[in-house]
Protein backbone atom coordinates (compact mmCIF):
# COMPACT_ATOMS: atom_id res chain seq x y z
CA UNK A 1 -10.10 1.52 -8.85
CA UNK A 2 -7.82 -1.40 -8.11
CA UNK A 3 -9.64 -4.53 -6.91
CA UNK A 4 -8.13 -6.63 -4.11
CA UNK A 5 -9.40 -9.92 -2.67
CA UNK A 6 -10.27 -10.03 1.03
CA UNK A 7 -7.55 -12.50 2.00
CA UNK A 8 -3.94 -12.62 3.16
CA UNK A 9 -1.83 -10.95 0.50
CA UNK A 10 1.81 -10.43 -0.28
CA UNK A 11 2.03 -7.40 -2.57
CA UNK A 12 4.91 -5.93 -4.52
CA UNK A 13 4.37 -2.16 -4.73
CA UNK A 14 5.99 -0.55 -7.76
CA UNK A 15 6.59 3.14 -7.14
CA UNK A 16 6.60 5.91 -9.78
CA UNK A 17 9.78 6.43 -11.81
CA UNK A 18 12.20 8.61 -9.85
CA UNK A 19 11.06 7.40 -6.41
CA UNK A 20 13.96 7.06 -4.02
CA UNK A 21 14.82 3.80 -2.26
CA UNK A 22 14.16 3.81 1.49
CA UNK A 23 11.54 2.97 4.08
CA UNK A 24 7.92 3.13 2.83
CA UNK A 25 4.54 2.55 4.46
CA UNK A 26 1.37 1.09 2.98
CA UNK A 27 -2.09 1.33 4.55
CA UNK A 28 -5.70 0.44 3.81
CA UNK A 29 -8.07 3.07 5.20
CA UNK A 30 -11.75 4.04 5.00
CA UNK A 31 -10.81 7.68 5.54
CA UNK A 32 -7.45 9.47 5.36
CA UNK A 33 -5.40 9.16 8.53
CA UNK A 34 -7.38 6.21 9.94
CA UNK A 35 -5.47 3.04 8.94
CA UNK A 36 -7.28 -0.29 9.29
CA UNK A 37 -4.33 -2.34 8.04
CA UNK A 38 -0.75 -1.11 7.83
CA UNK A 39 2.63 -2.49 6.76
CA UNK A 40 6.08 -1.16 5.94
CA UNK A 41 9.22 -2.25 4.15
CA UNK A 42 12.43 -0.87 2.69
CA UNK A 43 12.09 -0.16 -1.03
CA UNK A 44 14.98 -0.99 -3.33
CA UNK A 45 15.77 -0.51 -7.00
CA UNK A 46 14.97 -3.51 -9.20
CA UNK A 47 15.64 -3.14 -12.91
CA UNK A 48 15.48 0.64 -12.54
CA UNK A 49 12.15 0.65 -10.66
CA UNK A 50 11.77 1.28 -6.92
CA UNK A 51 9.81 -1.60 -5.34
CA UNK A 52 8.82 -2.67 -1.85
CA UNK A 53 6.85 -5.64 -0.54
CA UNK A 54 4.12 -5.75 2.08
CA UNK A 55 2.13 -8.53 3.69
CA UNK A 56 -1.46 -7.69 4.56
CA UNK A 57 -4.39 -9.56 6.07
CA UNK A 58 -7.55 -8.14 4.48
CA UNK A 59 -9.81 -10.98 5.66
CA UNK A 60 -11.39 -9.03 8.57
CA UNK A 61 -12.39 -6.06 6.37
CA UNK A 62 -15.82 -5.79 4.77
CA UNK A 63 -16.21 -5.75 1.00
CA UNK A 64 -16.42 -2.30 -0.53
CA UNK A 65 -14.47 0.86 -1.32
CA UNK A 66 -11.34 1.88 0.60
CA UNK A 67 -8.24 3.99 0.19
CA UNK A 68 -4.75 2.56 -0.26
CA UNK A 69 -2.20 4.95 1.16
CA UNK A 70 1.49 4.90 0.27
CA UNK A 71 4.20 7.14 1.64
CA UNK A 72 7.90 7.31 2.21
CA UNK A 73 8.53 7.37 5.97
CA UNK A 74 8.05 10.90 7.26
CA UNK A 75 6.43 12.20 4.06
CA UNK A 76 2.78 12.84 3.17
CA UNK A 77 0.41 10.05 2.14
CA UNK A 78 -0.69 9.52 -1.46
CA UNK A 79 -4.04 7.81 -1.78
CA UNK A 80 -5.45 5.50 -4.41
CA UNK A 81 -8.96 4.07 -4.59
CA UNK A 82 -9.30 0.33 -4.05
CA UNK A 83 -12.26 -2.02 -3.80
CA UNK A 84 -12.13 -5.11 -1.62
CA UNK A 85 -14.02 -8.08 -3.09
């Protein structure tokens, strides 16, 4: 899993090839559908890759395993395992 520090972060999220530009959401959750931290931005193409940026404050969360959820607005969530250090 991806490791993230428990601090204020500014992340650039690189989406899979073929992802459309538009509004995307990013969330840190301990179980699907229960966001603890959430942010959104409009993704744009940069050098052929769709990217969006989010600012998160992970300081209040406890260390351990979580889920990072990413979705285009109105679509289903895709989850990735993360560990907060």
